Protein backbone atom coordinates (compact mmCIF):
# COMPACT_ATOMS: atom_id res chain seq x y z
CA MET A 1 -29.91 49.57 68.75
CA SER A 2 -26.62 51.44 68.64
CA ASP A 3 -27.23 55.04 67.32
CA THR A 4 -23.87 55.27 65.31
CA VAL A 5 -24.28 56.04 61.89
CA ILE A 6 -20.58 56.62 60.41
CA SER A 7 -17.98 53.59 61.65
CA ALA A 8 -14.65 52.82 60.58
CA GLN A 9 -12.89 50.56 61.99
CA ASN A 10 -8.47 49.70 61.40
CA VAL A 11 -9.11 51.21 58.05
CA VAL A 12 -5.85 51.15 55.79
CA LYS A 13 -6.20 52.84 52.40
CA LYS A 14 -2.33 52.54 50.24
CA PHE A 15 -1.76 53.51 46.65
CA GLY A 16 1.22 51.10 45.84
CA ASN A 17 3.71 51.91 48.19
CA ILE A 18 2.43 55.12 49.43
CA THR A 19 0.17 54.53 53.14
CA ALA A 20 -2.54 57.63 52.45
CA VAL A 21 -4.48 56.43 55.62
CA ASP A 22 -2.83 54.18 58.23
CA GLY A 23 -5.75 52.25 60.93
CA ILE A 24 -8.15 54.65 61.85
CA SER A 25 -10.58 54.33 63.53
CA PHE A 26 -13.85 56.50 64.48
CA ASP A 27 -17.55 56.59 65.11
CA VAL A 28 -20.14 59.69 64.40
CA LYS A 29 -23.38 59.10 66.09
CA LYS A 30 -27.18 59.99 64.72
CA GLY A 31 -27.05 64.09 64.78
CA GLU A 32 -23.78 64.88 65.33
CA ILE A 33 -22.18 67.52 64.32
CA PHE A 34 -18.21 65.79 63.48
CA ALA A 35 -14.99 68.15 62.19
CA PHE A 36 -12.16 65.92 60.65
CA LEU A 37 -9.42 68.00 60.39
CA GLY A 38 -5.57 67.87 58.95
CA PRO A 39 -2.99 69.26 57.05
CA ASN A 40 -2.73 69.31 52.89
CA GLY A 41 -2.10 65.66 52.24
CA ALA A 42 -3.11 64.17 55.77
CA GLY A 43 -5.67 61.73 54.68
CA LYS A 44 -8.50 63.71 54.75
CA SER A 45 -10.03 63.46 51.46
CA THR A 46 -8.76 59.83 50.52
CA THR A 47 -11.08 58.97 53.79
CA ILE A 48 -13.81 60.70 52.45
CA LYS A 49 -13.69 59.09 49.11
CA MET A 50 -13.82 55.61 50.99
CA LEU A 51 -16.73 56.90 53.15
CA THR A 52 -18.73 57.77 50.04
CA THR A 53 -17.99 54.55 48.11
CA MET A 54 -15.38 56.04 45.58
CA LEU A 55 -12.62 54.18 46.85
CA ARG A 56 -12.15 51.18 48.45
CA PRO A 57 -10.39 50.70 51.59
CA THR A 58 -7.27 48.44 51.41
CA GLU A 59 -7.90 47.01 55.16
CA GLY A 60 -10.60 47.20 57.61
CA VAL A 61 -14.37 48.25 57.31
CA MET A 62 -16.33 51.10 57.17
CA LYS A 63 -20.37 51.78 57.29
CA LEU A 64 -23.00 54.17 57.27
CA ALA A 65 -26.08 53.77 58.35
CA GLY A 66 -25.35 50.29 59.25
CA HIS A 67 -24.40 49.45 55.33
CA ASP A 68 -20.97 48.21 54.51
CA VAL A 69 -19.95 50.75 52.32
CA THR A 70 -17.56 47.78 49.93
CA ILE A 71 -20.21 45.08 50.29
CA ASN A 72 -23.43 47.18 50.12
CA ARG A 73 -22.47 50.38 47.92
CA ASP A 74 -25.95 50.89 46.43
CA ASP A 75 -27.51 51.17 50.17
CA ALA A 76 -24.71 53.35 51.78
CA ARG A 77 -24.59 55.43 48.69
CA LYS A 78 -28.97 56.26 49.46
CA ALA A 79 -27.84 57.38 53.44
CA PHE A 80 -25.57 60.42 52.34
CA GLY A 81 -25.15 63.24 50.37
CA ILE A 82 -21.96 65.11 49.57
CA VAL A 83 -20.60 68.57 48.71
CA PHE A 84 -17.69 68.26 47.01
CA GLN A 85 -14.06 70.25 47.40
CA ASP A 86 -13.93 70.47 43.60
CA PRO A 87 -16.41 71.68 41.26
CA SER A 88 -19.25 69.11 40.40
CA LEU A 89 -22.10 71.10 38.26
CA ASP A 90 -23.06 70.68 34.84
CA GLU A 91 -21.98 74.18 33.20
CA GLU A 92 -24.23 73.63 30.38
CA LEU A 93 -27.30 73.52 32.84
CA SER A 94 -28.83 76.65 34.60
CA ALA A 95 -28.94 76.87 38.14
CA TYR A 96 -32.55 75.17 38.74
CA GLU A 97 -31.70 72.74 36.20
CA ASN A 98 -29.03 71.29 38.12
CA MET A 99 -31.31 71.41 41.19
CA GLU A 100 -33.81 69.44 39.04
CA LEU A 101 -31.64 66.81 38.21
CA HIS A 102 -30.34 66.76 41.44
CA GLY A 103 -33.70 65.68 42.74
CA THR A 104 -34.87 63.58 40.23
CA LEU A 105 -31.92 61.14 40.59
CA TYR A 106 -32.90 60.62 44.42
CA SER A 107 -36.54 60.18 43.70
CA ILE A 108 -38.16 63.35 45.42
CA PRO A 109 -41.46 63.56 44.53
CA LYS A 110 -42.07 66.85 42.36
CA ALA A 111 -43.70 68.94 44.25
CA GLU A 112 -41.81 68.39 47.40
CA ARG A 113 -39.04 69.08 45.11
CA GLU A 114 -40.23 72.14 43.72
CA VAL A 115 -40.41 73.31 47.15
CA ARG A 116 -37.10 72.59 48.35
CA ILE A 117 -35.61 74.00 45.40
CA LYS A 118 -36.71 77.67 45.75
CA GLU A 119 -36.29 77.62 49.72
CA LEU A 120 -32.48 76.52 49.38
CA LEU A 121 -31.77 78.69 46.09
CA GLU A 122 -33.73 81.61 48.29
CA LEU A 123 -31.20 80.66 51.31
CA VAL A 124 -28.31 80.85 49.19
CA GLU A 125 -29.40 84.14 47.70
CA LEU A 126 -29.51 82.79 43.69
CA TRP A 127 -33.43 82.54 43.12
CA ALA A 128 -33.28 85.66 41.13
CA ARG A 129 -30.38 83.73 38.86
CA LYS A 130 -32.53 80.56 38.98
CA ASP A 131 -33.08 80.27 35.12
CA SER A 132 -29.10 81.29 34.35
CA MET A 133 -26.83 79.30 33.11
CA ILE A 134 -23.81 78.19 35.36
CA LYS A 135 -20.96 78.82 32.70
CA THR A 136 -21.98 82.69 33.47
CA PHE A 137 -21.71 81.69 37.56
CA SER A 138 -18.52 83.54 39.58
CA GLY A 139 -16.89 81.01 41.67
CA GLY A 140 -18.28 82.18 44.73
CA MET A 141 -22.16 81.59 42.75
CA ARG A 142 -21.46 77.96 42.00
CA ARG A 143 -19.95 77.34 45.72
CA ARG A 144 -23.22 78.28 47.19
CA LEU A 145 -25.35 76.67 44.59
CA GLU A 146 -23.47 73.28 45.26
CA ILE A 147 -23.96 73.52 48.91
CA ALA A 148 -27.92 74.34 48.22
CA ARG A 149 -27.98 71.13 46.14
CA GLY A 150 -26.14 68.84 48.30
CA LEU A 151 -29.06 69.83 51.05
CA LEU A 152 -31.83 69.04 48.75
CA HIS A 153 -32.64 65.45 49.28
CA GLU A 154 -32.10 65.42 53.20
CA PRO A 155 -29.88 62.91 53.66
CA ARG A 156 -29.49 61.05 56.69
CA ILE A 157 -25.66 61.53 56.54
CA LEU A 158 -24.10 65.16 54.95
CA PHE A 159 -21.01 64.91 53.82
CA LEU A 160 -18.77 68.29 53.48
CA ASP A 161 -15.47 69.08 52.06
CA GLU A 162 -14.51 72.14 52.32
CA PRO A 163 -17.81 73.31 51.79
CA THR A 164 -17.30 77.28 52.56
CA LEU A 165 -14.07 77.65 50.31
CA GLY A 166 -14.29 80.90 48.83
CA LEU A 167 -17.51 82.30 50.56
CA ASP A 168 -17.73 85.92 51.95
CA THR A 169 -18.61 85.54 55.94
CA GLN A 170 -22.56 86.14 55.84
CA THR A 171 -22.98 83.32 52.99
CA ARG A 172 -20.82 80.89 55.51
CA ASN A 173 -22.81 81.37 58.70
CA LEU A 174 -26.39 81.49 56.77
CA MET A 175 -24.72 78.13 55.44
CA TRP A 176 -23.90 76.59 59.02
CA ASP A 177 -27.03 78.04 60.46
CA TYR A 178 -29.32 76.10 58.13
CA VAL A 179 -26.58 73.09 58.70
CA LYS A 180 -27.20 72.82 62.50
CA LYS A 181 -30.63 73.34 61.67
CA LEU A 182 -31.10 69.95 59.87
CA SER A 183 -28.73 68.51 62.59
CA ASP A 184 -31.04 69.78 65.30
CA GLU A 185 -34.78 69.21 63.34
CA LYS A 186 -33.93 66.54 61.61
CA GLY A 187 -31.47 64.51 63.73
CA MET A 188 -28.98 64.86 60.20
CA THR A 189 -25.59 63.36 60.54
CA ILE A 190 -22.75 65.95 59.63
CA PHE A 191 -19.21 65.11 59.49
CA PHE A 192 -17.59 67.83 57.57
CA THR A 193 -13.78 69.10 57.12
CA THR A 194 -12.42 72.51 56.93
CA HIS A 195 -9.07 74.80 57.10
CA TYR A 196 -10.97 77.30 59.26
CA LEU A 197 -10.35 76.51 62.74
CA ASP A 198 -13.42 79.00 63.72
CA GLU A 199 -16.08 76.89 62.18
CA ALA A 200 -14.32 73.69 63.70
CA GLU A 201 -14.83 75.25 67.29
CA GLY A 202 -17.91 76.94 66.54
CA VAL A 203 -20.01 74.38 64.55
CA ALA A 204 -18.45 70.55 65.24
CA GLN A 205 -19.55 68.73 68.51
CA ARG A 206 -16.61 66.52 68.12
CA ILE A 207 -13.41 66.79 66.18
CA ALA A 208 -10.87 64.55 64.96
CA ILE A 209 -7.21 65.33 63.97
CA ILE A 210 -5.26 63.35 61.22
CA ASP A 211 -1.71 63.95 60.04
CA HIS A 212 0.13 61.43 58.40
CA GLY A 213 -2.68 58.84 57.49
CA LYS A 214 -3.36 58.62 61.34
CA ILE A 215 -5.66 60.21 63.55
CA VAL A 216 -3.99 61.70 66.18
CA ALA A 217 -6.51 62.78 68.81
CA SER A 218 -10.27 63.14 69.22
CA GLY A 219 -12.74 64.70 71.14
CA THR A 220 -14.56 68.06 71.81
CA THR A 221 -12.35 71.43 71.60
CA PRO A 222 -11.77 71.58 75.94
CA GLU A 223 -10.78 67.66 75.37
CA LEU A 224 -8.67 69.09 72.67
CA THR A 225 -6.89 71.77 74.86
CA LYS A 226 -6.55 69.43 77.59
CA GLN A 227 -4.50 67.00 75.86
CA THR A 228 -2.39 69.45 75.05
CA ASN A 229 -2.00 71.57 77.68
CA THR A 230 -3.16 74.63 75.17
CA LYS A 231 -5.64 77.59 75.29
CA THR A 232 -7.25 77.17 71.96
CA LEU A 233 -8.32 75.03 69.57
CA GLU A 234 -5.63 76.33 66.72
CA ASP A 235 -2.64 75.93 69.42
CA ALA A 236 -3.81 72.77 70.03
CA TYR A 237 -3.78 71.59 65.95
CA LEU A 238 -0.77 73.23 65.78
CA SER A 239 0.74 71.01 68.60
CA LEU A 240 -0.67 68.25 66.84
CA THR A 241 0.54 68.44 63.31
CA GLY A 242 3.27 71.43 63.70
CA ASN A 243 3.83 75.04 62.07
CA THR A 244 5.15 73.32 58.59
CA THR A 245 3.04 74.38 54.97
CA ARG A 246 2.21 71.35 53.38
CA ASP A 247 1.67 70.50 49.87
CA GLU A 248 -1.75 68.68 48.52
CA ALA A 249 -0.69 65.03 48.32
CA ASP A 250 -3.75 63.26 49.55
CA SER A 251 -5.41 61.17 46.58
CA GLY A 252 -6.51 61.87 42.95
CA ASN A 253 -8.74 65.29 41.88
CA ASN A 254 -11.89 65.73 40.33
CA ASN A 255 -14.43 63.79 43.03
CA GLY A 256 -17.39 65.89 42.02
CA LEU A 257 -17.13 64.88 38.63
CA ASN A 258 -16.57 61.16 39.09
CA PHE A 259 -19.35 60.61 41.23
CA LYS A 260 -21.89 62.98 39.52
CA THR A 261 -21.13 61.29 36.29
CA ALA A 262 -21.77 57.42 38.21
CA MET A 263 -25.00 59.17 39.59
CA ARG A 264 -25.91 60.88 35.98
CA ASN A 265 -25.52 57.08 34.30
CA LYS A 266 -26.67 55.21 37.38
CA ASN A 267 -23.69 53.67 37.50
CA LEU A 268 -23.94 52.78 41.38
CA ARG A 269 -22.08 48.74 40.94
């Protein structure tokens, strides 16, 4: 039996005359930590939206834990958790209530849910603020809570879209330590995007680089530097994608809001 947990084969996504993702293929193995890198507008967020059933591929096939994300959407959704790049917390609830809601939606038994919530809120140093309303939280505190919430139901696959954006170094390191522990001890597969190349180099076992909707290279850091005849991942990345600053042109916003609304309404079809 294949140990492939995430699969994309010849995937294309078009928005009218614009091709955001152009024939990409990749596989991610069980327990692997996989980084998906690229400039703004390269197709990263569109790819994650397709993998997490928020967008349908125009062409090609994507599977999560063997479930086609277009045909078997409900089963695919049960296999993953996600930490969004955009805010997705309910501001009218407390930190604990946001966690409790997520745990209830994923049918985590009450006793187990309480233990995990306490453990995760302590991890991100928010246990003392568990009863505070989200609207009183700073941006960094909200990000830390979103990370804790994404880990709550210990999914087989965890998608992290720029998960440490705005976090201080200490919290970033704590989060990645916990993620690596989940991968090692639970066999969880991690798929993440980041603009911090040191995170990709220090955490990911394999890296794929996408640019203009195409995967231009993939492999370990040593393999990428060898392919590009460079010495560091940063140099390899710039060699493959160039030095030009890009405006964000990937599809849509409010990723977290759309998915949260779907989950709360259980409108999963």
